[in-house]
Amino acid sequence: MARQKTVGITIFVLAIAGFFIYAYLLMLSEWSPIVLQLSVLMAVGGILGVISWIGYNMATTRPSPSSLVTDDK
């Protein structure tokens, strides 16, 4: 349990430090335009990646027998 708590605290501190580094790069450095462009590129790429993964799963997954509806008329 102590190891899990240590890992949790480490992740927490690194996330906060990452935010401050990102804020510095975005607001106060001369690299601001490239940081903004890369941020938007990663966000759009992530969203489109999730959408393409959903489409791939829908296209390649076989329907389960319970989802097959038969019309007995």
N, C-alpha and C. Protein backbone atom coordinates (compact mmCIF):
# COMPACT_ATOMS: atom_id res chain seq x y z
N MET A 1 0.82 -1.20 0.00
CA MET A 1 0.00 0.00 0.00
C MET A 1 0.86 1.27 0.00
N ALA A 2 1.99 1.21 0.66
CA ALA A 2 2.87 2.38 0.73
C ALA A 2 3.43 2.71 -0.66
N ARG A 3 3.75 1.65 -1.44
CA ARG A 3 4.28 1.88 -2.80
C ARG A 3 3.21 2.53 -3.68
N GLN A 4 1.98 2.09 -3.55
CA GLN A 4 0.89 2.67 -4.34
C GLN A 4 0.67 4.14 -3.98
N LYS A 5 0.77 4.45 -2.71
CA LYS A 5 0.61 5.83 -2.27
C LYS A 5 1.75 6.69 -2.80
N THR A 6 2.96 6.16 -2.79
CA THR A 6 4.12 6.90 -3.31
C THR A 6 3.97 7.17 -4.80
N VAL A 7 3.52 6.16 -5.54
CA VAL A 7 3.31 6.34 -6.98
C VAL A 7 2.22 7.39 -7.22
N GLY A 8 1.15 7.35 -6.44
CA GLY A 8 0.07 8.33 -6.57
C GLY A 8 0.54 9.75 -6.31
N ILE A 9 1.32 9.93 -5.26
CA ILE A 9 1.85 11.27 -4.95
C ILE A 9 2.80 11.74 -6.05
N THR A 10 3.62 10.82 -6.56
CA THR A 10 4.55 11.17 -7.65
C THR A 10 3.80 11.62 -8.89
N ILE A 11 2.76 10.88 -9.27
CA ILE A 11 1.94 11.25 -10.43
C ILE A 11 1.29 12.61 -10.20
N PHE A 12 0.78 12.85 -9.00
CA PHE A 12 0.15 14.11 -8.66
C PHE A 12 1.12 15.29 -8.80
N VAL A 13 2.31 15.14 -8.25
CA VAL A 13 3.30 16.21 -8.30
C VAL A 13 3.77 16.44 -9.73
N LEU A 14 4.00 15.36 -10.48
CA LEU A 14 4.45 15.52 -11.87
C LEU A 14 3.38 16.17 -12.75
N ALA A 15 2.11 15.87 -12.49
CA ALA A 15 1.04 16.50 -13.27
C ALA A 15 0.99 18.00 -13.00
N ILE A 16 1.13 18.40 -11.75
CA ILE A 16 1.12 19.83 -11.42
C ILE A 16 2.35 20.51 -12.01
N ALA A 17 3.51 19.87 -11.90
CA ALA A 17 4.73 20.44 -12.49
C ALA A 17 4.59 20.54 -14.01
N GLY A 18 4.00 19.53 -14.64
CA GLY A 18 3.78 19.56 -16.08
C GLY A 18 2.88 20.71 -16.49
N PHE A 19 1.86 20.99 -15.68
CA PHE A 19 0.98 22.12 -15.97
C PHE A 19 1.75 23.44 -15.94
N PHE A 20 2.60 23.62 -14.92
CA PHE A 20 3.35 24.87 -14.82
C PHE A 20 4.37 25.01 -15.94
N ILE A 21 5.00 23.90 -16.33
CA ILE A 21 5.93 23.96 -17.46
C ILE A 21 5.18 24.30 -18.74
N TYR A 22 4.03 23.68 -18.93
CA TYR A 22 3.22 23.98 -20.12
C TYR A 22 2.77 25.44 -20.12
N ALA A 23 2.31 25.92 -18.97
CA ALA A 23 1.87 27.31 -18.88
C ALA A 23 3.03 28.27 -19.17
N TYR A 24 4.21 27.96 -18.66
CA TYR A 24 5.38 28.81 -18.95
C TYR A 24 5.68 28.82 -20.45
N LEU A 25 5.72 27.62 -21.05
CA LEU A 25 6.03 27.54 -22.48
C LEU A 25 4.97 28.24 -23.33
N LEU A 26 3.73 28.19 -22.89
CA LEU A 26 2.64 28.78 -23.66
C LEU A 26 2.56 30.30 -23.49
N MET A 27 2.85 30.79 -22.30
CA MET A 27 2.63 32.20 -22.01
C MET A 27 3.90 33.06 -22.04
N LEU A 28 5.02 32.52 -21.60
CA LEU A 28 6.18 33.37 -21.35
C LEU A 28 7.39 33.09 -22.24
N SER A 29 7.38 32.05 -23.02
CA SER A 29 8.57 31.75 -23.82
C SER A 29 8.37 32.17 -25.27
N GLU A 30 9.47 32.19 -26.01
CA GLU A 30 9.37 32.52 -27.43
C GLU A 30 8.85 31.34 -28.24
N TRP A 31 8.71 30.19 -27.61
CA TRP A 31 8.20 28.99 -28.30
C TRP A 31 6.68 28.89 -28.24
N SER A 32 6.02 29.92 -27.82
CA SER A 32 4.57 29.90 -27.65
C SER A 32 3.79 29.45 -28.89
N PRO A 33 4.09 29.96 -30.08
CA PRO A 33 3.31 29.52 -31.25
C PRO A 33 3.45 28.02 -31.55
N ILE A 34 4.66 27.50 -31.44
CA ILE A 34 4.85 26.08 -31.73
C ILE A 34 4.21 25.21 -30.65
N VAL A 35 4.26 25.65 -29.39
CA VAL A 35 3.62 24.90 -28.31
C VAL A 35 2.11 24.86 -28.53
N LEU A 36 1.53 25.98 -28.93
CA LEU A 36 0.10 26.03 -29.19
C LEU A 36 -0.27 25.15 -30.38
N GLN A 37 0.52 25.21 -31.44
CA GLN A 37 0.24 24.37 -32.61
C GLN A 37 0.34 22.89 -32.27
N LEU A 38 1.36 22.51 -31.52
CA LEU A 38 1.50 21.10 -31.15
C LEU A 38 0.37 20.65 -30.22
N SER A 39 -0.07 21.53 -29.34
CA SER A 39 -1.18 21.19 -28.45
C SER A 39 -2.46 20.92 -29.23
N VAL A 40 -2.76 21.79 -30.17
CA VAL A 40 -3.96 21.60 -30.98
C VAL A 40 -3.81 20.35 -31.84
N LEU A 41 -2.64 20.13 -32.40
CA LEU A 41 -2.41 18.94 -33.22
C LEU A 41 -2.61 17.66 -32.40
N MET A 42 -2.09 17.62 -31.18
CA MET A 42 -2.27 16.44 -30.34
C MET A 42 -3.73 16.25 -29.94
N ALA A 43 -4.44 17.33 -29.64
CA ALA A 43 -5.85 17.21 -29.26
C ALA A 43 -6.69 16.69 -30.42
N VAL A 44 -6.51 17.28 -31.59
CA VAL A 44 -7.28 16.84 -32.76
C VAL A 44 -6.89 15.42 -33.14
N GLY A 45 -5.60 15.11 -33.09
CA GLY A 45 -5.16 13.75 -33.39
C GLY A 45 -5.72 12.73 -32.42
N GLY A 46 -5.78 13.08 -31.15
CA GLY A 46 -6.35 12.18 -30.15
C GLY A 46 -7.83 11.94 -30.38
N ILE A 47 -8.58 13.01 -30.66
CA ILE A 47 -10.02 12.86 -30.91
C ILE A 47 -10.27 12.04 -32.15
N LEU A 48 -9.56 12.35 -33.24
CA LEU A 48 -9.75 11.58 -34.47
C LEU A 48 -9.26 10.14 -34.32
N GLY A 49 -8.24 9.92 -33.49
CA GLY A 49 -7.79 8.56 -33.22
C GLY A 49 -8.86 7.74 -32.51
N VAL A 50 -9.52 8.34 -31.53
CA VAL A 50 -10.60 7.63 -30.83
C VAL A 50 -11.76 7.35 -31.78
N ILE A 51 -12.11 8.33 -32.62
CA ILE A 51 -13.20 8.13 -33.57
C ILE A 51 -12.85 7.02 -34.56
N SER A 52 -11.62 7.00 -35.04
CA SER A 52 -11.24 5.95 -35.99
C SER A 52 -11.20 4.59 -35.31
N TRP A 53 -10.80 4.52 -34.05
CA TRP A 53 -10.81 3.26 -33.30
C TRP A 53 -12.23 2.74 -33.13
N ILE A 54 -13.17 3.63 -32.84
CA ILE A 54 -14.58 3.23 -32.72
C ILE A 54 -15.08 2.70 -34.06
N GLY A 55 -14.76 3.40 -35.14
CA GLY A 55 -15.18 2.94 -36.47
C GLY A 55 -14.57 1.60 -36.83
N TYR A 56 -13.30 1.40 -36.51
CA TYR A 56 -12.65 0.13 -36.79
C TYR A 56 -13.32 -1.00 -36.02
N ASN A 57 -13.60 -0.76 -34.75
CA ASN A 57 -14.26 -1.79 -33.94
C ASN A 57 -15.67 -2.09 -34.45
N MET A 58 -16.38 -1.07 -34.89
CA MET A 58 -17.72 -1.31 -35.43
C MET A 58 -17.65 -2.10 -36.72
N ALA A 59 -16.63 -1.87 -37.53
CA ALA A 59 -16.51 -2.54 -38.82
C ALA A 59 -16.02 -3.97 -38.69
N THR A 60 -15.23 -4.28 -37.67
CA THR A 60 -14.62 -5.61 -37.58
C THR A 60 -15.24 -6.51 -36.53
N THR A 61 -16.13 -6.02 -35.70
CA THR A 61 -16.74 -6.85 -34.67
C THR A 61 -17.93 -7.61 -35.24
N ARG A 62 -17.96 -8.90 -34.97
CA ARG A 62 -19.09 -9.71 -35.43
C ARG A 62 -20.29 -9.44 -34.53
N PRO A 63 -21.47 -9.45 -35.10
CA PRO A 63 -22.65 -9.23 -34.26
C PRO A 63 -22.89 -10.42 -33.34
N SER A 64 -23.31 -10.16 -32.13
CA SER A 64 -23.60 -11.25 -31.20
C SER A 64 -24.94 -11.88 -31.59
N PRO A 65 -25.14 -13.16 -31.24
CA PRO A 65 -26.40 -13.82 -31.61
C PRO A 65 -27.63 -13.13 -31.03
N SER A 66 -27.51 -12.50 -29.88
CA SER A 66 -28.67 -11.84 -29.28
C SER A 66 -29.05 -10.56 -30.04
N SER A 67 -28.10 -10.01 -30.80
CA SER A 67 -28.44 -8.79 -31.54
C SER A 67 -29.03 -9.07 -32.91
N LEU A 68 -29.02 -10.32 -33.33
CA LEU A 68 -29.63 -10.68 -34.60
C LEU A 68 -31.13 -10.85 -34.40
N VAL A 69 -31.90 -10.05 -35.09
CA VAL A 69 -33.35 -10.09 -34.94
C VAL A 69 -33.93 -10.83 -36.14
N THR A 70 -34.75 -11.80 -35.87
CA THR A 70 -35.42 -12.53 -36.96
C THR A 70 -36.88 -12.14 -36.97
N ASP A 71 -37.42 -12.01 -38.13
CA ASP A 71 -38.83 -11.62 -38.30
C ASP A 71 -39.61 -12.87 -38.65
N ASP A 72 -40.38 -13.43 -37.70
CA ASP A 72 -41.12 -14.68 -37.90
C ASP A 72 -42.57 -14.39 -38.30
N LYS A 73 -42.78 -13.82 -39.46
CA LYS A 73 -44.15 -13.54 -39.92
C LYS A 73 -44.51 -14.46 -41.03
